[in-house]
Amino acid sequence: RVRELGSHTDAELLRLFARDRDEAAFELLVRRHGPTVWGVCSRLLGPSDAEDAFQATFLTLVRKAGSLAAPGRSA
């Protein structure tokens, strides 16, 4: 399913996840942006803090996905 979504924009993936709780859409967002988030976290924090910050980033995305994917909002 992740391959099917590969051509979707981040905004489209976020809407799919927020509306349908589409796990493949969320997985693709993490694959796309996880390395960047991890890089920032690991450069700024120690190893265990970097892991916590990385997880917190995507947990926040899970919780806030609906408000970020609201119609009319640029993403």
PDB file of N, CA and C in Angstrom:
ATOM      1  N   ARG A   1       0.822  -1.206   0.000  1.00  0.00           N
ATOM      2  CA  ARG A   1       0.000   0.000   0.000  1.00  0.00           C
ATOM      3  C   ARG A   1       0.861   1.262   0.000  1.00  0.00           C
ATOM      4  N   VAL A   2       2.001   1.214   0.678  1.00  0.00           N
ATOM      5  CA  VAL A   2       2.869   2.385   0.715  1.00  0.00           C
ATOM      6  C   VAL A   2       3.303   2.777  -0.692  1.00  0.00           C
ATOM      7  N   ARG A   3       3.597   1.800  -1.527  1.00  0.00           N
ATOM      8  CA  ARG A   3       4.011   2.090  -2.909  1.00  0.00           C
ATOM      9  C   ARG A   3       2.907   2.813  -3.674  1.00  0.00           C
ATOM     10  N   GLU A   4       1.664   2.427  -3.437  1.00  0.00           N
ATOM     11  CA  GLU A   4       0.534   3.072  -4.113  1.00  0.00           C
ATOM     12  C   GLU A   4       0.455   4.562  -3.791  1.00  0.00           C
ATOM     13  N   LEU A   5       0.901   4.918  -2.606  1.00  0.00           N
ATOM     14  CA  LEU A   5       0.790   6.300  -2.140  1.00  0.00           C
ATOM     15  C   LEU A   5       2.003   7.151  -2.483  1.00  0.00           C
ATOM     16  N   GLY A   6       3.000   6.549  -3.081  1.00  0.00           N
ATOM     17  CA  GLY A   6       4.269   7.226  -3.318  1.00  0.00           C
ATOM     18  C   GLY A   6       4.189   8.530  -4.071  1.00  0.00           C
ATOM     19  N   SER A   7       3.211   8.688  -4.944  1.00  0.00           N
ATOM     20  CA  SER A   7       3.113   9.921  -5.726  1.00  0.00           C
ATOM     21  C   SER A   7       2.288  10.999  -5.018  1.00  0.00           C
ATOM     22  N   HIS A   8       1.708  10.689  -3.874  1.00  0.00           N
ATOM     23  CA  HIS A   8       0.908  11.669  -3.132  1.00  0.00           C
ATOM     24  C   HIS A   8       1.813  12.710  -2.480  1.00  0.00           C
ATOM     25  N   THR A   9       1.295  13.916  -2.368  1.00  0.00           N
ATOM     26  CA  THR A   9       2.019  14.971  -1.656  1.00  0.00           C
ATOM     27  C   THR A   9       1.916  14.718  -0.160  1.00  0.00           C
ATOM     28  N   ASP A  10       2.742  15.400   0.596  1.00  0.00           N
ATOM     29  CA  ASP A  10       2.673  15.294   2.048  1.00  0.00           C
ATOM     30  C   ASP A  10       1.298  15.727   2.562  1.00  0.00           C
ATOM     31  N   ALA A  11       0.761  16.784   1.975  1.00  0.00           N
ATOM     32  CA  ALA A  11      -0.556  17.276   2.396  1.00  0.00           C
ATOM     33  C   ALA A  11      -1.626  16.214   2.161  1.00  0.00           C
ATOM     34  N   GLU A  12      -1.560  15.551   1.021  1.00  0.00           N
ATOM     35  CA  GLU A  12      -2.532  14.490   0.725  1.00  0.00           C
ATOM     36  C   GLU A  12      -2.385  13.325   1.696  1.00  0.00           C
ATOM     37  N   LEU A  13      -1.141  12.953   1.984  1.00  0.00           N
ATOM     38  CA  LEU A  13      -0.904  11.859   2.934  1.00  0.00           C
ATOM     39  C   LEU A  13      -1.433  12.221   4.319  1.00  0.00           C
ATOM     40  N   LEU A  14      -1.202  13.451   4.713  1.00  0.00           N
ATOM     41  CA  LEU A  14      -1.677  13.893   6.022  1.00  0.00           C
ATOM     42  C   LEU A  14      -3.198  13.860   6.086  1.00  0.00           C
ATOM     43  N   ARG A  15      -3.850  14.290   5.018  1.00  0.00           N
ATOM     44  CA  ARG A  15      -5.319  14.238   4.987  1.00  0.00           C
ATOM     45  C   ARG A  15      -5.819  12.794   5.051  1.00  0.00           C
ATOM     46  N   LEU A  16      -5.165  11.889   4.318  1.00  0.00           N
ATOM     47  CA  LEU A  16      -5.559  10.470   4.365  1.00  0.00           C
ATOM     48  C   LEU A  16      -5.420   9.912   5.771  1.00  0.00           C
ATOM     49  N   PHE A  17      -4.323  10.269   6.423  1.00  0.00           N
ATOM     50  CA  PHE A  17      -4.127   9.769   7.780  1.00  0.00           C
ATOM     51  C   PHE A  17      -5.139  10.384   8.738  1.00  0.00           C
ATOM     52  N   ALA A  18      -5.345  11.681   8.635  1.00  0.00           N
ATOM     53  CA  ALA A  18      -6.256  12.372   9.558  1.00  0.00           C
ATOM     54  C   ALA A  18      -7.692  11.903   9.362  1.00  0.00           C
ATOM     55  N   ARG A  19      -8.104  11.740   8.126  1.00  0.00           N
ATOM     56  CA  ARG A  19      -9.495  11.388   7.823  1.00  0.00           C
ATOM     57  C   ARG A  19      -9.771   9.902   8.043  1.00  0.00           C
ATOM     58  N   ASP A  20      -8.877   9.062   7.525  1.00  0.00           N
ATOM     59  CA  ASP A  20      -9.140   7.616   7.507  1.00  0.00           C
ATOM     60  C   ASP A  20      -8.252   6.804   8.439  1.00  0.00           C
ATOM     61  N   ARG A  21      -7.340   7.495   9.124  1.00  0.00           N
ATOM     62  CA  ARG A  21      -6.326   6.802   9.941  1.00  0.00           C
ATOM     63  C   ARG A  21      -5.572   5.774   9.091  1.00  0.00           C
ATOM     64  N   ASP A  22      -5.238   6.188   7.876  1.00  0.00           N
ATOM     65  CA  ASP A  22      -4.528   5.351   6.920  1.00  0.00           C
ATOM     66  C   ASP A  22      -3.079   5.188   7.388  1.00  0.00           C
ATOM     67  N   GLU A  23      -2.770   4.014   7.910  1.00  0.00           N
ATOM     68  CA  GLU A  23      -1.444   3.760   8.464  1.00  0.00           C
ATOM     69  C   GLU A  23      -0.354   3.817   7.399  1.00  0.00           C
ATOM     70  N   ALA A  24      -0.661   3.397   6.189  1.00  0.00           N
ATOM     71  CA  ALA A  24       0.330   3.453   5.116  1.00  0.00           C
ATOM     72  C   ALA A  24       0.704   4.900   4.789  1.00  0.00           C
ATOM     73  N   ALA A  25      -0.263   5.787   4.844  1.00  0.00           N
ATOM     74  CA  ALA A  25       0.014   7.204   4.595  1.00  0.00           C
ATOM     75  C   ALA A  25       0.940   7.754   5.676  1.00  0.00           C
ATOM     76  N   PHE A  26       0.676   7.397   6.923  1.00  0.00           N
ATOM     77  CA  PHE A  26       1.532   7.854   8.014  1.00  0.00           C
ATOM     78  C   PHE A  26       2.931   7.256   7.880  1.00  0.00           C
ATOM     79  N   GLU A  27       2.995   5.981   7.546  1.00  0.00           N
ATOM     80  CA  GLU A  27       4.292   5.322   7.367  1.00  0.00           C
ATOM     81  C   GLU A  27       5.121   6.034   6.306  1.00  0.00           C
ATOM     82  N   LEU A  28       4.487   6.420   5.223  1.00  0.00           N
ATOM     83  CA  LEU A  28       5.209   7.104   4.160  1.00  0.00           C
ATOM     84  C   LEU A  28       5.692   8.482   4.623  1.00  0.00           C
ATOM     85  N   LEU A  29       4.891   9.178   5.396  1.00  0.00           N
ATOM     86  CA  LEU A  29       5.344  10.456   5.956  1.00  0.00           C
ATOM     87  C   LEU A  29       6.575  10.267   6.836  1.00  0.00           C
ATOM     88  N   VAL A  30       6.558   9.227   7.649  1.00  0.00           N
ATOM     89  CA  VAL A  30       7.711   8.956   8.517  1.00  0.00           C
ATOM     90  C   VAL A  30       8.924   8.577   7.666  1.00  0.00           C
ATOM     91  N   ARG A  31       8.726   7.776   6.637  1.00  0.00           N
ATOM     92  CA  ARG A  31       9.852   7.411   5.759  1.00  0.00           C
ATOM     93  C   ARG A  31      10.439   8.641   5.081  1.00  0.00           C
ATOM     94  N   ARG A  32       9.581   9.549   4.648  1.00  0.00           N
ATOM     95  CA  ARG A  32      10.051  10.753   3.957  1.00  0.00           C
ATOM     96  C   ARG A  32      10.781  11.708   4.892  1.00  0.00           C
ATOM     97  N   HIS A  33      10.227  11.894   6.074  1.00  0.00           N
ATOM     98  CA  HIS A  33      10.733  12.955   6.953  1.00  0.00           C
ATOM     99  C   HIS A  33      11.494  12.455   8.166  1.00  0.00           C
ATOM    100  N   GLY A  34      11.406  11.169   8.439  1.00  0.00           N
ATOM    101  CA  GLY A  34      12.109  10.602   9.589  1.00  0.00           C
ATOM    102  C   GLY A  34      13.605  10.854   9.580  1.00  0.00           C
ATOM    103  N   PRO A  35      14.296  10.639   8.464  1.00  0.00           N
ATOM    104  CA  PRO A  35      15.735  10.879   8.471  1.00  0.00           C
ATOM    105  C   PRO A  35      16.119  12.320   8.812  1.00  0.00           C
ATOM    106  N   THR A  36      15.351  13.267   8.324  1.00  0.00           N
ATOM    107  CA  THR A  36      15.632  14.674   8.635  1.00  0.00           C
ATOM    108  C   THR A  36      15.368  14.959  10.106  1.00  0.00           C
ATOM    109  N   VAL A  37      14.237  14.470  10.600  1.00  0.00           N
ATOM    110  CA  VAL A  37      13.903  14.679  12.015  1.00  0.00           C
ATOM    111  C   VAL A  37      14.967  14.024  12.890  1.00  0.00           C
ATOM    112  N   TRP A  38      15.359  12.809  12.537  1.00  0.00           N
ATOM    113  CA  TRP A  38      16.382  12.107  13.319  1.00  0.00           C
ATOM    114  C   TRP A  38      17.709  12.874  13.278  1.00  0.00           C
ATOM    115  N   GLY A  39      18.071  13.383  12.108  1.00  0.00           N
ATOM    116  CA  GLY A  39      19.320  14.127  11.992  1.00  0.00           C
ATOM    117  C   GLY A  39      19.352  15.348  12.891  1.00  0.00           C
ATOM    118  N   VAL A  40      18.264  16.093  12.906  1.00  0.00           N
ATOM    119  CA  VAL A  40      18.193  17.284  13.760  1.00  0.00           C
ATOM    120  C   VAL A  40      18.248  16.878  15.229  1.00  0.00           C
ATOM    121  N   CYS A  41      17.455  15.886  15.595  1.00  0.00           N
ATOM    122  CA  CYS A  41      17.421  15.449  16.995  1.00  0.00           C
ATOM    123  C   CYS A  41      18.790  14.954  17.456  1.00  0.00           C
ATOM    124  N   SER A  42      19.447  14.168  16.633  1.00  0.00           N
ATOM    125  CA  SER A  42      20.727  13.595  17.048  1.00  0.00           C
ATOM    126  C   SER A  42      21.842  14.635  17.082  1.00  0.00           C
ATOM    127  N   ARG A  43      21.748  15.666  16.241  1.00  0.00           N
ATOM    128  CA  ARG A  43      22.761  16.728  16.282  1.00  0.00           C
ATOM    129  C   ARG A  43      22.593  17.620  17.507  1.00  0.00           C
ATOM    130  N   LEU A  44      21.355  17.810  17.939  1.00  0.00           N
ATOM    131  CA  LEU A  44      21.107  18.743  19.034  1.00  0.00           C
ATOM    132  C   LEU A  44      21.075  18.096  20.413  1.00  0.00           C
ATOM    133  N   LEU A  45      20.836  16.781  20.470  1.00  0.00           N
ATOM    134  CA  LEU A  45      20.609  16.109  21.742  1.00  0.00           C
ATOM    135  C   LEU A  45      21.492  14.877  21.873  1.00  0.00           C
ATOM    136  N   GLY A  46      21.586  14.363  23.076  1.00  0.00           N
ATOM    137  CA  GLY A  46      22.288  13.093  23.283  1.00  0.00           C
ATOM    138  C   GLY A  46      21.451  11.949  22.740  1.00  0.00           C
ATOM    139  N   PRO A  47      22.056  10.738  22.651  1.00  0.00           N
ATOM    140  CA  PRO A  47      21.364   9.598  22.022  1.00  0.00           C
ATOM    141  C   PRO A  47      19.982   9.280  22.589  1.00  0.00           C
ATOM    142  N   SER A  48      19.841   9.160  23.885  1.00  0.00           N
ATOM    143  CA  SER A  48      18.521   8.788  24.424  1.00  0.00           C
ATOM    144  C   SER A  48      17.530   9.941  24.288  1.00  0.00           C
ATOM    145  N   ASP A  49      18.018  11.169  24.465  1.00  0.00           N
ATOM    146  CA  ASP A  49      17.128  12.318  24.283  1.00  0.00           C
ATOM    147  C   ASP A  49      16.712  12.459  22.823  1.00  0.00           C
ATOM    148  N   ALA A  50      17.613  12.126  21.910  1.00  0.00           N
ATOM    149  CA  ALA A  50      17.283  12.192  20.484  1.00  0.00           C
ATOM    150  C   ALA A  50      16.175  11.208  20.151  1.00  0.00           C
ATOM    151  N   GLU A  51      16.254  10.007  20.697  1.00  0.00           N
ATOM    152  CA  GLU A  51      15.194   9.013  20.465  1.00  0.00           C
ATOM    153  C   GLU A  51      13.859   9.512  20.998  1.00  0.00           C
ATOM    154  N   ASP A  52      13.887  10.073  22.198  1.00  0.00           N
ATOM    155  CA  ASP A  52      12.648  10.595  22.795  1.00  0.00           C
ATOM    156  C   ASP A  52      12.064  11.726  21.953  1.00  0.00           C
ATOM    157  N   ALA A  53      12.910  12.638  21.502  1.00  0.00           N
ATOM    158  CA  ALA A  53      12.442  13.771  20.712  1.00  0.00           C
ATOM    159  C   ALA A  53      11.898  13.304  19.364  1.00  0.00           C
ATOM    160  N   PHE A  54      12.564  12.326  18.753  1.00  0.00           N
ATOM    161  CA  PHE A  54      12.105  11.772  17.484  1.00  0.00           C
ATOM    162  C   PHE A  54      10.710  11.186  17.643  1.00  0.00           C
ATOM    163  N   GLN A  55      10.537  10.370  18.668  1.00  0.00           N
ATOM    164  CA  GLN A  55       9.229   9.756  18.915  1.00  0.00           C
ATOM    165  C   GLN A  55       8.182  10.810  19.237  1.00  0.00           C
ATOM    166  N   ALA A  56       8.549  11.784  20.045  1.00  0.00           N
ATOM    167  CA  ALA A  56       7.600  12.836  20.422  1.00  0.00           C
ATOM    168  C   ALA A  56       7.140  13.626  19.210  1.00  0.00           C
ATOM    169  N   THR A  57       8.039  13.848  18.268  1.00  0.00           N
ATOM    170  CA  THR A  57       7.683  14.585  17.046  1.00  0.00           C
ATOM    171  C   THR A  57       6.557  13.880  16.305  1.00  0.00           C
ATOM    172  N   PHE A  58       6.721  12.572  16.106  1.00  0.00           N
ATOM    173  CA  PHE A  58       5.714  11.854  15.328  1.00  0.00           C
ATOM    174  C   PHE A  58       4.467  11.527  16.142  1.00  0.00           C
ATOM    175  N   LEU A  59       4.594  11.400  17.453  1.00  0.00           N
ATOM    176  CA  LEU A  59       3.396  11.252  18.291  1.00  0.00           C
ATOM    177  C   LEU A  59       2.562  12.531  18.250  1.00  0.00           C
ATOM    178  N   THR A  60       3.232  13.663  18.241  1.00  0.00           N
ATOM    179  CA  THR A  60       2.521  14.935  18.121  1.00  0.00           C
ATOM    180  C   THR A  60       1.821  15.028  16.774  1.00  0.00           C
ATOM    181  N   LEU A  61       2.480  14.562  15.729  1.00  0.00           N
ATOM    182  CA  LEU A  61       1.842  14.558  14.413  1.00  0.00           C
ATOM    183  C   LEU A  61       0.588  13.685  14.424  1.00  0.00           C
ATOM    184  N   VAL A  62       0.660  12.535  15.075  1.00  0.00           N
ATOM    185  CA  VAL A  62      -0.517  11.663  15.179  1.00  0.00           C
ATOM    186  C   VAL A  62      -1.660  12.407  15.863  1.00  0.00           C
ATOM    187  N   ARG A  63      -1.356  13.063  16.983  1.00  0.00           N
ATOM    188  CA  ARG A  63      -2.401  13.758  17.745  1.00  0.00           C
ATOM    189  C   ARG A  63      -2.948  14.985  17.030  1.00  0.00           C
ATOM    190  N   LYS A  64      -2.100  15.691  16.306  1.00  0.00           N
ATOM    191  CA  LYS A  64      -2.501  16.964  15.690  1.00  0.00           C
ATOM    192  C   LYS A  64      -2.844  16.845  14.207  1.00  0.00           C
ATOM    193  N   ALA A  65      -2.797  15.661  13.650  1.00  0.00           N
ATOM    194  CA  ALA A  65      -2.992  15.477  12.201  1.00  0.00           C
ATOM    195  C   ALA A  65      -4.277  16.114  11.713  1.00  0.00           C
ATOM    196  N   GLY A  66      -5.350  15.956  12.456  1.00  0.00           N
ATOM    197  CA  GLY A  66      -6.636  16.512  12.034  1.00  0.00           C
ATOM    198  C   GLY A  66      -6.618  18.018  11.897  1.00  0.00           C
ATOM    199  N   SER A  67      -5.987  18.689  12.815  1.00  0.00           N
ATOM    200  CA  SER A  67      -5.957  20.158  12.742  1.00  0.00           C
ATOM    201  C   SER A  67      -4.980  20.645  11.679  1.00  0.00           C
ATOM    202  N   LEU A  68      -3.954  19.882  11.393  1.00  0.00           N
ATOM    203  CA  LEU A  68      -2.990  20.270  10.361  1.00  0.00           C
ATOM    204  C   LEU A  68      -3.537  20.016   8.960  1.00  0.00           C
ATOM    205  N   ALA A  69      -4.407  19.033   8.835  1.00  0.00           N
ATOM    206  CA  ALA A  69      -4.941  18.661   7.524  1.00  0.00           C
ATOM    207  C   ALA A  69      -6.281  19.317   7.219  1.00  0.00           C
ATOM    208  N   ALA A  70      -6.611  20.344   7.981  1.00  0.00           N
ATOM    209  CA  ALA A  70      -7.903  21.017   7.785  1.00  0.00           C
ATOM    210  C   ALA A  70      -7.996  21.624   6.398  1.00  0.00           C
ATOM    211  N   PRO A  71      -9.156  21.524   5.771  1.00  0.00           N
ATOM    212  CA  PRO A  71      -9.336  22.103   4.430  1.00  0.00           C
ATOM    213  C   PRO A  71      -9.022  23.600   4.439  1.00  0.00           C
ATOM    214  N   GLY A  72      -8.388  24.042   3.378  1.00  0.00           N
ATOM    215  CA  GLY A  72      -8.057  25.449   3.256  1.00  0.00           C
ATOM    216  C   GLY A  72      -6.753  25.842   3.917  1.00  0.00           C
ATOM    217  N   ARG A  73      -6.182  24.946   4.650  1.00  0.00           N
ATOM    218  CA  ARG A  73      -4.913  25.221   5.315  1.00  0.00           C
ATOM    219  C   ARG A  73      -3.784  24.785   4.395  1.00  0.00           C
ATOM    220  N   SER A  74      -2.799  25.621   4.197  1.00  0.00           N
ATOM    221  CA  SER A  74      -1.681  25.231   3.328  1.00  0.00           C
ATOM    222  C   SER A  74      -0.755  24.315   4.101  1.00  0.00           C
ATOM    223  N   ALA A  75      -0.364  23.208   3.459  1.00  0.00           N
ATOM    224  CA  ALA A  75       0.528  22.243   4.112  1.00  0.00           C
ATOM    225  C   ALA A  75       1.669  21.911   3.208  1.00  0.00           C
TER     226      ALA A  75
END
